[in-house]
C-alpha cells in the first residue's frame, strides 16, 4: 500500500484506490454489485460477500454483466 492506496487489477487494468471493500470499490466505479457476477481473486462472490470482502493489494477483480437474448 502506497500513500494509503491499494493497487488492484480491475477488468485487466492496474488501478489504485482507497482501501475499501470489494462492494465499496464497485460502487465507486458505478457498478451495482447485485447486478453483476463478481470474480475476486479467482472466486465468485455474492453481492453480500462483496460488501464485506476487503480489497487486497495486488488482487484481481472482474465484474461481468450477463446479457441474454435470442
N, C-alpha and C. Protein backbone atom coordinates (compact mmCIF):
# COMPACT_ATOMS: atom_id res chain seq x y z
N UNK A 1 0.85 -1.17 0.00
CA UNK A 1 0.00 0.00 0.00
C UNK A 1 0.90 1.23 0.00
N UNK A 2 0.66 2.11 -0.96
CA UNK A 2 1.42 3.36 -1.06
C UNK A 2 0.48 4.52 -0.84
N UNK A 3 0.95 5.50 -0.10
CA UNK A 3 0.18 6.72 0.10
C UNK A 3 -1.25 6.43 0.52
N UNK A 4 -1.44 5.35 1.27
CA UNK A 4 -2.77 5.00 1.73
C UNK A 4 -3.65 4.38 0.66
N UNK A 5 -3.09 4.06 -0.51
CA UNK A 5 -3.87 3.48 -1.61
C UNK A 5 -3.52 2.00 -1.78
N UNK A 6 -4.47 1.25 -2.28
CA UNK A 6 -4.29 -0.16 -2.59
C UNK A 6 -4.25 -0.31 -4.11
N UNK A 7 -3.25 -1.03 -4.61
CA UNK A 7 -3.17 -1.29 -6.05
C UNK A 7 -3.83 -2.63 -6.34
N UNK A 8 -4.82 -2.62 -7.25
CA UNK A 8 -5.50 -3.84 -7.67
C UNK A 8 -5.53 -3.89 -9.19
N UNK A 9 -5.96 -5.02 -9.72
CA UNK A 9 -6.18 -5.16 -11.16
C UNK A 9 -7.68 -5.31 -11.34
N UNK A 10 -8.31 -4.30 -11.95
CA UNK A 10 -9.75 -4.31 -12.18
C UNK A 10 -10.02 -4.36 -13.67
N UNK A 11 -10.75 -5.37 -14.10
CA UNK A 11 -11.07 -5.58 -15.52
C UNK A 11 -9.79 -5.58 -16.37
N UNK A 12 -8.72 -6.16 -15.83
CA UNK A 12 -7.47 -6.30 -16.56
C UNK A 12 -6.54 -5.10 -16.53
N UNK A 13 -6.93 -4.04 -15.82
CA UNK A 13 -6.11 -2.83 -15.77
C UNK A 13 -5.73 -2.52 -14.33
N UNK A 14 -4.44 -2.19 -14.13
CA UNK A 14 -4.00 -1.80 -12.80
C UNK A 14 -4.64 -0.48 -12.42
N UNK A 15 -5.09 -0.41 -11.17
CA UNK A 15 -5.67 0.83 -10.66
C UNK A 15 -5.35 0.95 -9.19
N UNK A 16 -5.33 2.16 -8.69
CA UNK A 16 -5.12 2.40 -7.27
C UNK A 16 -6.39 3.00 -6.70
N UNK A 17 -6.73 2.58 -5.49
CA UNK A 17 -7.94 3.04 -4.85
C UNK A 17 -7.73 3.10 -3.34
N UNK A 18 -8.58 3.84 -2.69
CA UNK A 18 -8.54 3.87 -1.23
C UNK A 18 -8.95 2.49 -0.71
N UNK A 19 -8.39 2.07 0.42
CA UNK A 19 -8.79 0.79 0.98
C UNK A 19 -10.29 0.78 1.27
N UNK A 20 -10.97 -0.24 0.80
CA UNK A 20 -12.41 -0.37 0.97
C UNK A 20 -12.77 -1.82 0.76
N UNK A 21 -14.04 -2.11 0.72
CA UNK A 21 -14.49 -3.46 0.40
C UNK A 21 -14.61 -3.60 -1.11
N UNK A 22 -14.74 -4.83 -1.56
CA UNK A 22 -14.97 -5.07 -2.99
C UNK A 22 -16.24 -4.36 -3.43
N UNK A 23 -17.31 -4.50 -2.65
CA UNK A 23 -18.56 -3.84 -2.97
C UNK A 23 -18.44 -2.32 -2.97
N UNK A 24 -17.68 -1.78 -2.03
CA UNK A 24 -17.46 -0.33 -1.98
C UNK A 24 -16.71 0.16 -3.20
N UNK A 25 -15.70 -0.60 -3.63
CA UNK A 25 -14.97 -0.21 -4.83
C UNK A 25 -15.88 -0.24 -6.05
N UNK A 26 -16.65 -1.32 -6.20
CA UNK A 26 -17.54 -1.41 -7.35
C UNK A 26 -18.53 -0.24 -7.38
N UNK A 27 -19.08 0.10 -6.23
CA UNK A 27 -19.99 1.25 -6.16
C UNK A 27 -19.29 2.53 -6.58
N UNK A 28 -18.01 2.67 -6.21
CA UNK A 28 -17.27 3.90 -6.54
C UNK A 28 -17.02 4.04 -8.04
N UNK A 29 -17.06 2.92 -8.77
CA UNK A 29 -16.89 2.99 -10.23
C UNK A 29 -18.22 2.81 -10.96
N UNK A 30 -19.32 2.90 -10.21
CA UNK A 30 -20.64 2.89 -10.82
C UNK A 30 -21.20 1.53 -11.16
N UNK A 31 -20.71 0.48 -10.50
CA UNK A 31 -21.18 -0.87 -10.77
C UNK A 31 -22.01 -1.35 -9.57
N UNK A 32 -23.25 -1.76 -9.82
CA UNK A 32 -24.11 -2.29 -8.76
C UNK A 32 -23.76 -3.77 -8.55
N UNK A 33 -23.22 -4.09 -7.38
CA UNK A 33 -22.75 -5.45 -7.10
C UNK A 33 -23.84 -6.50 -7.25
N UNK A 34 -25.08 -6.12 -7.04
CA UNK A 34 -26.17 -7.09 -7.15
C UNK A 34 -26.65 -7.29 -8.58
N UNK A 35 -26.04 -6.60 -9.53
CA UNK A 35 -26.44 -6.70 -10.94
C UNK A 35 -25.37 -7.37 -11.81
N UNK A 36 -24.26 -7.80 -11.21
CA UNK A 36 -23.16 -8.39 -11.97
C UNK A 36 -22.67 -9.66 -11.28
N UNK A 37 -21.89 -10.43 -12.01
CA UNK A 37 -21.17 -11.56 -11.43
C UNK A 37 -19.80 -11.02 -11.05
N UNK A 38 -19.42 -11.22 -9.80
CA UNK A 38 -18.17 -10.67 -9.28
C UNK A 38 -17.16 -11.80 -9.13
N UNK A 39 -16.01 -11.63 -9.81
CA UNK A 39 -14.90 -12.57 -9.64
C UNK A 39 -13.80 -11.82 -8.90
N UNK A 40 -13.42 -12.34 -7.75
CA UNK A 40 -12.38 -11.70 -6.94
C UNK A 40 -11.38 -12.75 -6.51
N UNK A 41 -10.15 -12.57 -6.90
CA UNK A 41 -9.06 -13.50 -6.58
C UNK A 41 -9.39 -14.92 -7.01
N UNK A 42 -10.08 -15.04 -8.16
CA UNK A 42 -10.38 -16.35 -8.72
C UNK A 42 -11.65 -16.99 -8.20
N UNK A 43 -12.32 -16.34 -7.26
CA UNK A 43 -13.57 -16.87 -6.70
C UNK A 43 -14.74 -15.99 -7.09
N UNK A 44 -15.92 -16.59 -7.19
CA UNK A 44 -17.15 -15.84 -7.45
C UNK A 44 -17.72 -15.41 -6.10
N UNK A 45 -18.04 -14.12 -5.97
CA UNK A 45 -18.61 -13.59 -4.73
C UNK A 45 -20.05 -13.16 -4.95
N UNK A 46 -20.87 -13.38 -3.95
CA UNK A 46 -22.22 -12.81 -3.96
C UNK A 46 -22.10 -11.33 -3.62
N UNK A 47 -23.14 -10.58 -3.88
CA UNK A 47 -23.13 -9.15 -3.55
C UNK A 47 -22.94 -8.97 -2.05
N UNK A 48 -23.57 -9.84 -1.25
CA UNK A 48 -23.43 -9.75 0.21
C UNK A 48 -21.99 -10.01 0.64
N UNK A 49 -21.34 -11.00 0.04
CA UNK A 49 -19.95 -11.29 0.38
C UNK A 49 -19.03 -10.15 -0.06
N UNK A 50 -19.32 -9.56 -1.21
CA UNK A 50 -18.51 -8.46 -1.72
C UNK A 50 -18.57 -7.25 -0.80
N UNK A 51 -19.71 -7.07 -0.13
CA UNK A 51 -19.88 -5.93 0.76
C UNK A 51 -18.90 -5.96 1.93
N UNK A 52 -18.47 -7.16 2.32
CA UNK A 52 -17.57 -7.26 3.47
C UNK A 52 -16.17 -7.74 3.12
N UNK A 53 -15.93 -8.13 1.87
CA UNK A 53 -14.60 -8.61 1.47
C UNK A 53 -13.67 -7.42 1.25
N UNK A 54 -12.57 -7.34 2.01
CA UNK A 54 -11.66 -6.21 1.84
C UNK A 54 -10.82 -6.34 0.56
N UNK A 55 -10.59 -5.22 -0.09
CA UNK A 55 -9.67 -5.22 -1.23
C UNK A 55 -8.26 -5.48 -0.72
N UNK A 56 -7.54 -6.35 -1.39
CA UNK A 56 -6.18 -6.68 -1.00
C UNK A 56 -5.21 -6.24 -2.08
N UNK A 57 -4.07 -5.76 -1.67
CA UNK A 57 -3.01 -5.32 -2.58
C UNK A 57 -2.73 -6.40 -3.61
N UNK A 58 -2.75 -6.02 -4.89
CA UNK A 58 -2.40 -6.92 -5.98
C UNK A 58 -3.51 -7.86 -6.43
N UNK A 59 -4.66 -7.82 -5.78
CA UNK A 59 -5.75 -8.74 -6.12
C UNK A 59 -6.37 -8.38 -7.47
N UNK A 60 -6.90 -9.42 -8.12
CA UNK A 60 -7.60 -9.22 -9.39
C UNK A 60 -9.10 -9.25 -9.15
N UNK A 61 -9.80 -8.29 -9.77
CA UNK A 61 -11.25 -8.14 -9.61
C UNK A 61 -11.86 -7.94 -10.98
N UNK A 62 -12.91 -8.70 -11.26
CA UNK A 62 -13.65 -8.55 -12.51
C UNK A 62 -15.14 -8.53 -12.20
N UNK A 63 -15.89 -7.77 -12.98
CA UNK A 63 -17.33 -7.74 -12.85
C UNK A 63 -17.91 -8.01 -14.24
N UNK A 64 -18.79 -9.01 -14.30
CA UNK A 64 -19.37 -9.42 -15.57
C UNK A 64 -20.87 -9.23 -15.54
N UNK A 65 -21.40 -8.59 -16.58
CA UNK A 65 -22.84 -8.44 -16.70
C UNK A 65 -23.33 -9.50 -17.67
N UNK A 66 -24.34 -10.23 -17.25
CA UNK A 66 -24.90 -11.28 -18.07
C UNK A 66 -25.97 -10.66 -18.97
N UNK A 67 -25.85 -10.91 -20.26
CA UNK A 67 -26.81 -10.39 -21.22
C UNK A 67 -27.44 -11.59 -21.92
N UNK A 68 -28.74 -11.66 -21.87
CA UNK A 68 -29.46 -12.75 -22.52
C UNK A 68 -30.20 -12.20 -23.73
N UNK A 69 -30.36 -13.02 -24.69
CA UNK A 69 -31.07 -12.59 -25.89
C UNK A 69 -31.25 -13.75 -26.84
N UNK A 70 -31.90 -13.45 -27.89
CA UNK A 70 -32.14 -14.55 -28.83
C UNK A 70 -32.02 -14.10 -30.24
